Amino acid sequence: MHQAWTGLSGGDMSSAWNACKVLINRFPDFDSGLDVSSRVALAMGQRELAADLAQRAINIDGDNFRFLSQKTFCLLAQKKMPEALALIELLAKRPLETGFEHDTLGNLYSQAGDQYQARARFERAVECDPDRAHFWLNLALSLQATGDLQAAEHAFERCIELEPLQGDAWLHRSRLHTQSTEKNHIEKLQAAIAGCSDNWRLEMSLRYALAKELEDLGRYTESFAELRGGSSLRRARMNHDAAADIDAMEIVKQVFSGEYMRETVASCDSSEPIFIVGLPRTGTTLVERILGSHSQVFAAGELNDFAQCLTKLVAPLQPKDRMSFIRLSAKVSSKQLGQDYIDSARPQMAHTPYFVDKLPLNFLYCGLISRALPRAKIIHLQRDPMDTCFAIYKTLFKQAYPFSYDLKELGDYYLSYRDLMAHWQRVMPDTILDVCYETLVADPELQTRRLLEHCNLPWESECLDFHRNSAPSMTASLAQVRKPLYTSSIGKWRRYQSELSELQNQLEGAGLQILR
């Protein structure tokens, strides 16, 4: 048990699963062993196995909160929303007494998409146990998601007081608002960095936070030095083949040719999805909020469902590597892919005719999306190349966008992405609506009318008041989308023109126009 839990908490899944196999085989009726084995299996992506192990634990002790909540996490991972919501409702009716129980229920609500119920449970968790830093962190994240940024700042600060090594709290706090000369955390961040040389993850988060606050104060040279230090720490510890990303996009263009796209195939007839694609930090969240303010549209966030449904259909064809996966993906049933996606992604907690899926990397699948769901709408967000790349470079993502931590690799990826989007426009003309971020903020009403017309939606003035939308936001833009449109983010990269000169030369050398 100790080996399993230690491996799980430390990310050593191999050690954890070896211990779980012993627990399952030698002690098949040990309910706590089945519970931790379910958690390890779920962390490894083995959703069905995790659900089976959780159910076996419940069969032994059907009233155990831990076992029931773990089964619910498994159901959420399997996209079995009605069953998961029924279990959440069952757990919510119980007389919960501990901070752990309220915190767990808060996480369940959060994963189910109900951030307001999650926030209420996290508030109860800190009431039960006000000295648990993790409870304060979860509360802070839910407060910022629901737009209460002042309360979120207090919760992040309380978390840091209790656990100074909590890097996420330092980083998120720095993003909540623009720091000032009178009020900032620069000295504390510098002192924290000086004392964490043996903890690269913490140092990385602290450097990104310090870079953001130094930028707010106009100390750009110092800011970029911290940003370079943080991104270098991240890149050095990633097993990522940057060239493989470029090769993959080249194969996509070859496989999904004009001839392939002109083939007549059976497809899914649903018109529900509106896909927003492109790269992060280009205005995708802004457009999602605009569309989500329409009475007929639900903003579902960044969904992984299309890629997951595609993977499930390709798996039986036994792809040997990434390139063969791409080739085999062209052979799956378009109709089945479209229907699987709708069944998986259709929001369970909203009752609107349309929903927005704003996962930027769906740009890789535009051809498959068009074949599988020809009535779906696709919107492509573009932004000035240098502003795009710099905004990506200075954002610390969780697991996504591994190309973003080295400027040369970022430039290479950006150029390949632009080539692929140009390919989609050639082979499926009049399918994808290109929206320019700079044009959108300059004339929001005209561009909003374009968006709604593309989506076959009637005009609603509420779309212009997207900043009043109370819907939660979980992206890096969560603070910005609470404000009216502004133009101050245009041309920010020029403050770092000398540090970004090689990237500028790379992009301009490829023929891209940089805004002057």
Protein backbone atom coordinates (compact mmCIF):
# COMPACT_ATOMS: atom_id res chain seq x y z
CA MET A 1 0.00 0.00 0.00
CA HIS A 2 2.80 2.39 0.90
CA GLN A 3 4.61 1.69 -2.37
CA ALA A 4 1.42 2.18 -4.37
CA TRP A 5 0.50 5.48 -2.76
CA THR A 6 4.09 6.79 -2.83
CA GLY A 7 4.44 5.96 -6.51
CA LEU A 8 1.08 7.54 -7.32
CA SER A 9 1.80 10.79 -5.46
CA GLY A 10 5.33 11.01 -6.88
CA GLY A 11 4.40 10.21 -10.46
CA ASP A 12 6.26 6.88 -10.52
CA MET A 13 3.50 4.88 -12.16
CA SER A 14 5.68 1.85 -12.84
CA SER A 15 6.50 1.37 -9.16
CA ALA A 16 2.91 2.12 -8.15
CA TRP A 17 1.40 -0.36 -10.60
CA ASN A 18 3.86 -3.13 -9.66
CA ALA A 19 2.63 -2.79 -6.08
CA CYS A 20 -0.99 -2.73 -7.24
CA LYS A 21 -0.57 -5.97 -9.18
CA VAL A 22 0.57 -7.68 -5.99
CA LEU A 23 -2.37 -6.23 -4.07
CA ILE A 24 -4.88 -7.33 -6.71
CA ASN A 25 -3.48 -10.85 -7.15
CA ARG A 26 -2.61 -11.75 -3.57
CA PHE A 27 -5.33 -9.81 -1.74
CA PRO A 28 -8.30 -9.72 -4.16
CA ASP A 29 -10.80 -8.96 -1.37
CA PHE A 30 -8.78 -6.14 0.22
CA ASP A 31 -11.02 -3.16 -0.54
CA SER A 32 -8.42 -0.45 0.16
CA GLY A 33 -5.99 -2.24 -2.13
CA LEU A 34 -8.59 -2.27 -4.90
CA ASP A 35 -9.21 1.45 -4.27
CA VAL A 36 -5.58 2.54 -4.64
CA SER A 37 -5.22 0.23 -7.65
CA SER A 38 -8.19 1.97 -9.27
CA ARG A 39 -6.57 5.35 -8.68
CA VAL A 40 -3.27 4.24 -10.20
CA ALA A 41 -5.03 2.67 -13.18
CA LEU A 42 -6.98 5.89 -13.77
CA ALA A 43 -3.80 7.96 -13.56
CA MET A 44 -2.32 5.66 -16.22
CA GLY A 45 -5.30 6.23 -18.51
CA GLN A 46 -6.78 2.75 -18.02
CA ARG A 47 -10.32 4.03 -17.51
CA GLU A 48 -12.23 0.77 -17.88
CA LEU A 49 -9.87 -1.14 -15.58
CA ALA A 50 -10.02 1.69 -13.04
CA ALA A 51 -13.82 1.61 -13.06
CA ASP A 52 -13.86 -2.18 -12.63
CA LEU A 53 -11.48 -2.02 -9.66
CA ALA A 54 -13.51 0.78 -8.07
CA GLN A 55 -16.69 -1.28 -8.44
CA ARG A 56 -15.00 -4.29 -6.84
CA ALA A 57 -14.14 -2.14 -3.82
CA ILE A 58 -17.76 -0.93 -3.66
CA ASN A 59 -19.00 -4.52 -3.81
CA ILE A 60 -17.10 -5.11 -0.56
CA ASP A 61 -18.05 -1.85 1.18
CA GLY A 62 -20.89 -0.13 -0.65
CA ASP A 63 -21.20 2.80 1.76
CA ASN A 64 -17.56 3.93 1.66
CA PHE A 65 -17.25 7.56 0.53
CA ARG A 66 -13.77 7.10 -0.90
CA PHE A 67 -14.82 4.13 -3.02
CA LEU A 68 -17.98 5.80 -4.29
CA SER A 69 -16.20 9.01 -5.17
CA GLN A 70 -13.44 7.11 -6.98
CA LYS A 71 -16.07 5.29 -9.05
CA THR A 72 -17.50 8.70 -9.92
CA PHE A 73 -14.10 9.97 -11.08
CA CYS A 74 -13.89 6.88 -13.30
CA LEU A 75 -17.34 7.53 -14.77
CA LEU A 76 -16.40 11.13 -15.52
CA ALA A 77 -13.24 9.96 -17.25
CA GLN A 78 -15.33 7.53 -19.30
CA LYS A 79 -17.72 10.35 -20.26
CA LYS A 80 -20.62 8.49 -18.64
CA MET A 81 -22.18 11.72 -17.46
CA PRO A 82 -25.69 10.62 -16.43
CA GLU A 83 -24.27 7.88 -14.20
CA ALA A 84 -21.60 10.20 -12.81
CA LEU A 85 -24.08 12.99 -12.06
CA ALA A 86 -26.38 10.53 -10.31
CA LEU A 87 -23.53 9.44 -8.04
CA ILE A 88 -22.50 13.06 -7.39
CA GLU A 89 -26.08 13.84 -6.35
CA LEU A 90 -26.08 10.79 -4.08
CA LEU A 91 -22.82 11.85 -2.42
CA ALA A 92 -24.03 15.46 -2.06
CA LYS A 93 -27.03 14.27 -0.04
CA ARG A 94 -24.83 12.54 2.51
CA PRO A 95 -24.05 14.31 5.81
CA LEU A 96 -20.41 15.08 4.98
CA GLU A 97 -18.29 16.00 7.95
CA THR A 98 -14.63 16.21 6.92
CA GLY A 99 -12.71 18.66 4.78
CA PHE A 100 -11.48 15.76 2.68
CA GLU A 101 -15.04 14.75 1.79
CA HIS A 102 -16.08 18.29 0.84
CA ASP A 103 -12.86 18.79 -1.14
CA THR A 104 -13.37 15.51 -3.00
CA LEU A 105 -16.95 16.42 -3.84
CA GLY A 106 -15.74 19.83 -5.01
CA ASN A 107 -13.32 18.15 -7.40
CA LEU A 108 -16.13 15.95 -8.72
CA TYR A 109 -18.33 18.98 -9.38
CA SER A 110 -15.40 20.73 -11.04
CA GLN A 111 -14.70 17.83 -13.37
CA ALA A 112 -18.41 17.63 -14.16
CA GLY A 113 -18.31 21.29 -15.23
CA ASP A 114 -20.24 22.86 -12.34
CA GLN A 115 -17.70 25.33 -10.98
CA TYR A 116 -20.18 27.13 -8.71
CA GLN A 117 -21.13 23.96 -6.84
CA ALA A 118 -17.41 23.09 -6.72
CA ARG A 119 -16.66 26.48 -5.17
CA ALA A 120 -19.30 25.97 -2.48
CA ARG A 121 -17.79 22.60 -1.53
CA PHE A 122 -14.25 23.96 -1.43
CA GLU A 123 -15.49 26.73 0.87
CA ARG A 124 -16.87 24.04 3.20
CA ALA A 125 -13.56 22.17 3.02
CA VAL A 126 -11.54 25.16 4.30
CA GLU A 127 -14.15 25.75 7.00
CA CYS A 128 -13.66 22.19 8.20
CA ASP A 129 -9.88 22.30 8.01
CA PRO A 130 -8.50 25.84 7.56
CA ASP A 131 -4.87 24.71 7.87
CA ARG A 132 -4.80 22.51 4.77
CA ALA A 133 -3.00 24.39 1.99
CA HIS A 134 -4.38 22.10 -0.71
CA PHE A 135 -7.95 22.98 0.23
CA TRP A 136 -7.13 26.69 -0.09
CA LEU A 137 -5.53 26.09 -3.48
CA ASN A 138 -8.63 24.33 -4.81
CA LEU A 139 -10.82 27.10 -3.44
CA ALA A 140 -8.63 29.75 -5.05
CA LEU A 141 -8.75 28.03 -8.44
CA SER A 142 -12.55 27.80 -8.29
CA LEU A 143 -12.85 31.45 -7.20
CA GLN A 144 -10.77 32.66 -10.13
CA ALA A 145 -12.70 30.40 -12.52
CA THR A 146 -15.98 31.97 -11.37
CA GLY A 147 -14.60 35.51 -11.58
CA ASP A 148 -14.11 36.46 -7.91
CA LEU A 149 -10.49 37.48 -8.40
CA GLN A 150 -10.11 39.42 -5.15
CA ALA A 151 -11.22 36.46 -3.05
CA ALA A 152 -9.05 34.18 -5.19
CA GLU A 153 -6.00 36.31 -4.39
CA HIS A 154 -6.69 36.01 -0.66
CA ALA A 155 -7.06 32.22 -0.99
CA PHE A 156 -3.81 31.89 -2.96
CA GLU A 157 -2.01 33.96 -0.32
CA ARG A 158 -3.38 31.78 2.46
CA CYS A 159 -2.22 28.69 0.56
CA ILE A 160 1.30 30.14 0.22
CA GLU A 161 1.39 31.01 3.93
CA LEU A 162 0.59 27.41 4.79
CA GLU A 163 2.77 25.83 2.11
CA PRO A 164 5.42 28.13 0.58
CA LEU A 165 6.50 25.37 -1.82
CA GLN A 166 3.14 25.45 -3.64
CA GLY A 167 4.34 26.80 -7.01
CA ASP A 168 0.89 26.83 -8.64
CA ALA A 169 -0.35 29.30 -6.03
CA TRP A 170 2.53 31.72 -6.68
CA LEU A 171 2.01 31.51 -10.44
CA HIS A 172 -1.77 31.91 -10.46
CA ARG A 173 -1.64 34.79 -8.00
CA SER A 174 0.69 36.74 -10.29
CA ARG A 175 -1.76 36.36 -13.19
CA LEU A 176 -4.85 37.67 -11.38
CA HIS A 177 -4.20 41.35 -12.09
CA THR A 178 -1.55 43.85 -13.15
CA GLN A 179 1.01 44.32 -10.40
CA SER A 180 2.11 47.83 -9.39
CA THR A 181 5.16 49.47 -7.86
CA GLU A 182 3.22 49.84 -4.63
CA LYS A 183 1.88 46.30 -4.55
CA ASN A 184 3.77 43.33 -5.95
CA HIS A 185 5.54 40.15 -4.82
CA ILE A 186 8.86 40.58 -6.59
CA GLU A 187 11.14 40.52 -3.54
CA LYS A 188 9.32 37.51 -2.09
CA LEU A 189 9.54 35.69 -5.42
CA GLN A 190 13.26 36.42 -5.71
CA ALA A 191 13.86 35.16 -2.19
CA ALA A 192 11.82 32.02 -2.86
CA ILE A 193 13.80 31.30 -6.05
CA ALA A 194 17.08 31.67 -4.17
CA GLY A 195 15.98 28.95 -1.77
CA CYS A 196 14.65 26.30 -4.13
CA SER A 197 17.61 25.23 -6.26
CA ASP A 198 16.86 21.55 -5.54
CA ASN A 199 13.22 21.77 -6.69
CA TRP A 200 13.12 22.54 -10.41
CA ARG A 201 9.33 22.44 -10.71
CA LEU A 202 8.91 25.04 -8.00
CA GLU A 203 11.73 27.18 -9.40
CA MET A 204 10.14 27.02 -12.86
CA SER A 205 6.75 28.24 -11.59
CA LEU A 206 8.38 30.97 -9.51
CA ARG A 207 10.39 32.24 -12.49
CA TYR A 208 7.30 32.45 -14.68
CA ALA A 209 5.48 34.31 -11.90
CA LEU A 210 8.41 36.70 -11.42
CA ALA A 211 8.66 37.31 -15.18
CA LYS A 212 5.00 38.30 -15.26
CA GLU A 213 5.30 40.72 -12.35
CA LEU A 214 8.50 42.29 -13.70
CA GLU A 215 6.75 42.85 -17.03
CA ASP A 216 3.87 44.55 -15.24
CA LEU A 217 6.39 46.99 -13.76
CA GLY A 218 8.09 47.65 -17.11
CA ARG A 219 11.33 45.87 -16.17
CA TYR A 220 11.43 44.04 -19.48
CA THR A 221 15.07 42.90 -19.63
CA GLU A 222 14.81 41.35 -16.17
CA SER A 223 11.46 39.84 -17.06
CA PHE A 224 12.76 38.09 -20.16
CA ALA A 225 15.76 36.71 -18.25
CA GLU A 226 13.39 35.04 -15.78
CA LEU A 227 11.19 33.81 -18.60
CA ARG A 228 14.16 32.27 -20.39
CA GLY A 229 15.28 30.63 -17.15
CA GLY A 230 11.83 29.15 -16.46
CA SER A 231 11.27 27.90 -20.00
CA SER A 232 14.76 26.36 -20.13
CA LEU A 233 14.04 24.43 -16.94
CA ARG A 234 10.86 23.06 -18.48
CA ARG A 235 12.36 22.18 -21.87
CA ALA A 236 15.40 20.43 -20.37
CA ARG A 237 13.13 17.99 -18.57
CA MET A 238 10.84 17.14 -21.47
CA ASN A 239 11.21 14.11 -23.68
CA HIS A 240 9.87 15.83 -26.78
CA ASP A 241 10.84 15.34 -30.42
CA ALA A 242 10.17 18.74 -31.97
CA ALA A 243 10.97 17.53 -35.49
CA ALA A 244 8.29 14.84 -35.19
CA ASP A 245 5.62 17.54 -34.82
CA ILE A 246 6.70 19.09 -38.11
CA ASP A 247 6.86 15.72 -39.86
CA ALA A 248 3.36 14.88 -38.61
CA MET A 249 1.86 18.03 -40.12
CA GLU A 250 3.55 17.25 -43.42
CA ILE A 251 2.00 13.77 -43.42
CA VAL A 252 -1.41 15.25 -42.58
CA LYS A 253 -1.21 17.43 -45.69
CA GLN A 254 -0.24 14.43 -47.84
CA VAL A 255 -2.93 12.11 -46.49
CA PHE A 256 -5.80 14.59 -46.40
CA SER A 257 -5.31 15.84 -49.93
CA GLY A 258 -7.80 17.64 -52.12
CA GLU A 259 -8.71 14.34 -53.76
CA TYR A 260 -9.39 12.74 -50.38
CA MET A 261 -11.51 15.68 -49.24
CA ARG A 262 -13.61 15.55 -52.42
CA GLU A 263 -14.65 11.93 -51.84
CA THR A 264 -18.33 11.38 -51.07
CA VAL A 265 -18.76 9.54 -47.77
CA ALA A 266 -21.48 8.92 -45.21
CA SER A 267 -21.26 11.34 -42.32
CA CYS A 268 -22.92 12.43 -39.09
CA ASP A 269 -25.71 14.96 -39.70
CA SER A 270 -25.37 16.88 -36.42
CA SER A 271 -25.02 20.66 -36.62
CA GLU A 272 -24.41 21.08 -32.88
CA PRO A 273 -20.63 21.61 -32.69
CA ILE A 274 -18.83 24.89 -33.28
CA PHE A 275 -15.08 24.27 -33.33
CA ILE A 276 -12.68 27.11 -32.52
CA VAL A 277 -9.17 26.14 -33.67
CA GLY A 278 -5.72 27.66 -34.02
CA LEU A 279 -2.99 28.16 -31.45
CA PRO A 280 -3.38 29.16 -27.79
CA ARG A 281 -3.21 32.81 -26.75
CA THR A 282 -4.70 34.04 -30.02
CA GLY A 283 -8.19 35.00 -28.84
CA THR A 284 -9.85 31.58 -28.84
CA THR A 285 -11.25 32.12 -25.34
CA LEU A 286 -12.50 35.57 -26.33
CA VAL A 287 -14.46 34.16 -29.29
CA GLU A 288 -15.76 31.32 -27.13
CA ARG A 289 -17.10 33.88 -24.63
CA ILE A 290 -18.71 35.93 -27.41
CA LEU A 291 -20.47 32.90 -28.87
CA GLY A 292 -21.24 31.48 -25.42
CA SER A 293 -23.13 34.67 -24.59
CA HIS A 294 -25.68 33.73 -27.27
CA SER A 295 -28.87 32.14 -25.96
CA GLN A 296 -28.55 29.17 -28.35
CA VAL A 297 -24.92 28.32 -27.57
CA PHE A 298 -23.18 26.60 -24.67
CA ALA A 299 -19.44 27.14 -24.21
CA ALA A 300 -18.15 23.65 -23.41
CA GLY A 301 -14.48 24.61 -23.08
CA GLU A 302 -11.46 22.73 -24.38
CA LEU A 303 -12.65 19.21 -25.12
CA ASN A 304 -10.34 16.31 -25.94
CA ASP A 305 -13.23 14.22 -27.24
CA PHE A 306 -12.53 14.38 -30.98
CA ALA A 307 -8.96 13.10 -30.63
CA GLN A 308 -10.06 10.48 -28.09
CA CYS A 309 -12.84 9.19 -30.35
CA LEU A 310 -10.44 9.06 -33.29
CA THR A 311 -7.86 7.17 -31.23
CA LYS A 312 -10.45 4.60 -30.18
CA LEU A 313 -11.42 3.96 -33.82
CA VAL A 314 -7.83 3.77 -35.07
CA ALA A 315 -6.58 1.51 -32.26
CA PRO A 316 -8.01 -1.76 -33.73
CA LEU A 317 -6.07 -1.03 -36.94
CA GLN A 318 -2.88 -1.37 -34.86
CA PRO A 319 -0.89 1.76 -35.77
CA LYS A 320 2.85 1.23 -35.32
CA ASP A 321 3.78 4.85 -34.75
CA ARG A 322 2.50 8.40 -35.05
CA MET A 323 2.88 8.50 -38.83
CA SER A 324 1.00 5.26 -39.38
CA PHE A 325 -1.69 6.54 -37.01
CA ILE A 326 -2.22 9.55 -39.27
CA ARG A 327 -2.46 7.37 -42.38
CA LEU A 328 -4.83 4.93 -40.72
CA SER A 329 -7.03 7.74 -39.40
CA ALA A 330 -8.05 8.40 -43.01
CA LYS A 331 -9.55 4.91 -43.16
CA VAL A 332 -11.97 5.10 -40.24
CA SER A 333 -15.70 5.53 -40.77
CA SER A 334 -16.44 9.26 -40.99
CA LYS A 335 -20.02 8.70 -39.89
CA GLN A 336 -18.97 6.64 -36.88
CA LEU A 337 -16.32 9.18 -35.90
CA GLY A 338 -18.81 12.03 -36.06
CA GLN A 339 -21.47 10.17 -34.11
CA ASP A 340 -18.99 8.99 -31.48
CA TYR A 341 -17.82 12.57 -31.00
CA ILE A 342 -21.37 13.90 -30.60
CA ASP A 343 -22.25 11.15 -28.14
CA SER A 344 -19.09 11.86 -26.14
CA ALA A 345 -18.91 15.63 -26.26
CA ARG A 346 -22.54 16.74 -26.15
CA PRO A 347 -22.69 18.83 -22.97
CA GLN A 348 -24.80 17.13 -20.35
CA MET A 349 -25.49 20.19 -18.22
CA ALA A 350 -26.75 22.57 -20.92
CA HIS A 351 -29.83 22.51 -23.11
CA THR A 352 -28.91 24.59 -26.15
CA PRO A 353 -28.95 23.71 -29.85
CA TYR A 354 -25.21 24.34 -30.24
CA PHE A 355 -22.02 24.02 -28.23
CA VAL A 356 -18.51 25.40 -28.65
CA ASP A 357 -15.45 23.13 -28.53
CA LYS A 358 -12.48 25.48 -28.32
CA LEU A 359 -9.55 23.08 -28.13
CA PRO A 360 -7.01 24.97 -30.30
CA LEU A 361 -5.10 21.87 -31.45
CA ASN A 362 -8.17 20.58 -33.25
CA PHE A 363 -6.65 22.48 -36.19
CA LEU A 364 -4.78 19.22 -36.82
CA TYR A 365 -8.09 17.46 -37.50
CA CYS A 366 -9.95 20.00 -39.64
CA GLY A 367 -10.11 17.56 -42.55
CA LEU A 368 -11.51 14.75 -40.44
CA ILE A 369 -13.93 17.14 -38.71
CA SER A 370 -15.26 18.36 -42.05
CA ARG A 371 -15.75 14.80 -43.34
CA ALA A 372 -17.27 13.45 -40.14
CA LEU A 373 -19.42 16.48 -39.30
CA PRO A 374 -19.99 18.50 -42.49
CA ARG A 375 -22.67 20.64 -40.82
CA ALA A 376 -20.40 21.61 -37.93
CA LYS A 377 -18.85 25.07 -38.01
CA ILE A 378 -15.11 25.71 -37.82
CA ILE A 379 -13.63 29.07 -36.79
CA HIS A 380 -9.90 29.72 -37.04
CA LEU A 381 -8.38 32.43 -34.84
CA GLN A 382 -5.31 34.24 -36.12
CA ARG A 383 -3.12 36.85 -34.47
CA ASP A 384 0.08 38.68 -35.43
CA PRO A 385 2.80 36.01 -35.69
CA MET A 386 5.19 37.64 -33.23
CA ASP A 387 2.47 38.46 -30.69
CA THR A 388 1.22 34.88 -31.00
CA CYS A 389 4.61 33.27 -30.48
CA PHE A 390 5.62 35.54 -27.61
CA ALA A 391 2.28 35.09 -25.83
CA ILE A 392 2.70 31.31 -26.10
CA TYR A 393 6.35 31.42 -24.99
CA LYS A 394 5.59 33.32 -21.80
CA THR A 395 2.78 30.98 -20.72
CA LEU A 396 3.53 27.96 -18.57
CA PHE A 397 1.12 25.27 -19.73
CA LYS A 398 0.43 22.04 -17.89
CA GLN A 399 1.06 19.13 -20.28
CA ALA A 400 0.06 20.61 -23.64
CA TYR A 401 2.14 22.53 -26.19
CA PRO A 402 5.60 21.04 -25.59
CA PHE A 403 6.90 23.05 -28.57
CA SER A 404 6.46 26.29 -26.63
CA TYR A 405 9.55 26.31 -24.41
CA ASP A 406 12.25 26.91 -27.02
CA LEU A 407 12.02 29.90 -29.39
CA LYS A 408 13.49 28.11 -32.41
CA GLU A 409 11.19 25.11 -31.97
CA LEU A 410 8.26 27.46 -31.42
CA GLY A 411 9.04 29.29 -34.66
CA ASP A 412 9.30 26.01 -36.58
CA TYR A 413 5.98 24.81 -35.20
CA TYR A 414 4.28 28.11 -35.97
CA LEU A 415 5.38 28.02 -39.60
CA SER A 416 4.18 24.43 -40.01
CA TYR A 417 0.84 25.30 -38.41
CA ARG A 418 0.39 28.21 -40.84
CA ASP A 419 1.19 25.92 -43.77
CA LEU A 420 -1.35 23.35 -42.58
CA MET A 421 -4.10 25.94 -42.17
CA ALA A 422 -3.37 27.24 -45.68
CA HIS A 423 -3.68 23.64 -46.88
CA TRP A 424 -7.10 23.25 -45.24
CA GLN A 425 -8.30 26.45 -46.91
CA ARG A 426 -7.16 25.11 -50.30
CA VAL A 427 -8.69 21.64 -50.07
CA MET A 428 -11.92 22.63 -48.30
CA PRO A 429 -12.65 26.23 -49.35
CA ASP A 430 -15.48 28.18 -47.73
CA THR A 431 -15.51 25.77 -44.78
CA ILE A 432 -13.34 27.53 -42.21
CA LEU A 433 -13.97 31.13 -41.11
CA ASP A 434 -10.71 32.99 -40.47
CA VAL A 435 -11.00 35.60 -37.73
CA CYS A 436 -8.20 38.07 -37.05
CA TYR A 437 -7.76 38.99 -33.39
CA GLU A 438 -6.61 42.54 -34.17
CA THR A 439 -9.63 43.13 -36.43
CA LEU A 440 -11.96 41.70 -33.81
CA VAL A 441 -10.84 44.08 -31.06
CA ALA A 442 -10.84 47.03 -33.49
CA ASP A 443 -14.43 46.45 -34.69
CA PRO A 444 -16.12 43.96 -32.36
CA GLU A 445 -19.66 44.42 -33.63
CA LEU A 446 -18.81 43.81 -37.29
CA GLN A 447 -16.71 40.76 -36.48
CA THR A 448 -19.30 39.39 -34.06
CA ARG A 449 -21.90 39.64 -36.82
CA ARG A 450 -19.53 37.68 -39.08
CA LEU A 451 -19.17 35.01 -36.42
CA LEU A 452 -22.90 34.67 -35.87
CA GLU A 453 -23.63 34.64 -39.60
CA HIS A 454 -21.07 31.86 -40.11
CA CYS A 455 -22.76 29.87 -37.35
CA ASN A 456 -26.27 30.54 -38.73
CA LEU A 457 -27.20 32.32 -35.52
CA PRO A 458 -29.47 35.37 -35.22
CA TRP A 459 -28.03 38.60 -33.89
CA GLU A 460 -28.07 39.04 -30.10
CA SER A 461 -26.51 42.15 -28.57
CA GLU A 462 -25.56 40.16 -25.46
CA CYS A 463 -22.66 38.76 -27.48
CA LEU A 464 -20.99 42.19 -27.32
CA ASP A 465 -21.27 42.14 -23.52
CA PHE A 466 -19.34 38.87 -23.19
CA HIS A 467 -17.37 40.28 -20.24
CA ARG A 468 -20.61 40.26 -18.23
CA ASN A 469 -21.06 36.55 -18.87
CA SER A 470 -20.93 34.77 -15.51
CA ALA A 471 -19.94 31.41 -17.02
CA PRO A 472 -16.71 30.05 -15.50
CA SER A 473 -13.42 30.22 -17.41
CA MET A 474 -10.55 27.81 -16.80
CA THR A 475 -7.99 29.05 -19.35
CA ALA A 476 -4.95 31.31 -18.99
CA SER A 477 -7.17 34.17 -20.25
CA LEU A 478 -9.61 33.91 -17.33
CA ALA A 479 -8.78 37.39 -15.98
CA GLN A 480 -8.87 39.09 -19.40
CA VAL A 481 -12.30 37.76 -20.40
CA ARG A 482 -13.85 39.53 -17.41
CA LYS A 483 -12.94 42.88 -19.03
CA PRO A 484 -14.33 44.71 -22.08
CA LEU A 485 -12.28 44.46 -25.27
CA TYR A 486 -8.93 46.25 -25.19
CA THR A 487 -6.02 46.70 -27.62
CA SER A 488 -3.10 46.87 -25.18
CA SER A 489 -2.00 43.30 -25.97
CA ILE A 490 -1.26 44.19 -29.60
CA GLY A 491 2.45 44.62 -30.26
CA LYS A 492 3.59 43.62 -26.76
CA TRP A 493 6.43 41.59 -28.22
CA ARG A 494 8.21 44.80 -29.32
CA ARG A 495 9.22 45.45 -25.71
CA TYR A 496 11.50 42.45 -26.16
CA GLN A 497 12.58 43.08 -29.75
CA SER A 498 16.28 42.44 -29.15
CA GLU A 499 15.61 39.20 -27.24
CA LEU A 500 13.18 38.03 -29.95
CA SER A 501 15.21 39.16 -32.97
CA GLU A 502 16.11 35.62 -34.07
CA LEU A 503 12.48 34.55 -33.94
CA GLN A 504 11.49 37.65 -35.92
CA ASN A 505 14.11 36.89 -38.56
CA GLN A 506 12.92 33.28 -38.75
CA LEU A 507 9.29 34.26 -39.34
CA GLU A 508 9.96 37.14 -41.70
CA GLY A 509 12.46 34.99 -43.58
CA ALA A 510 9.60 32.59 -44.28
CA GLY A 511 7.58 35.41 -45.81
CA LEU A 512 5.26 36.23 -42.90
CA GLN A 513 4.10 39.80 -42.38
CA ILE A 514 4.66 41.25 -38.91
CA LEU A 515 2.40 44.11 -37.81
CA ARG A 516 4.18 47.46 -37.74
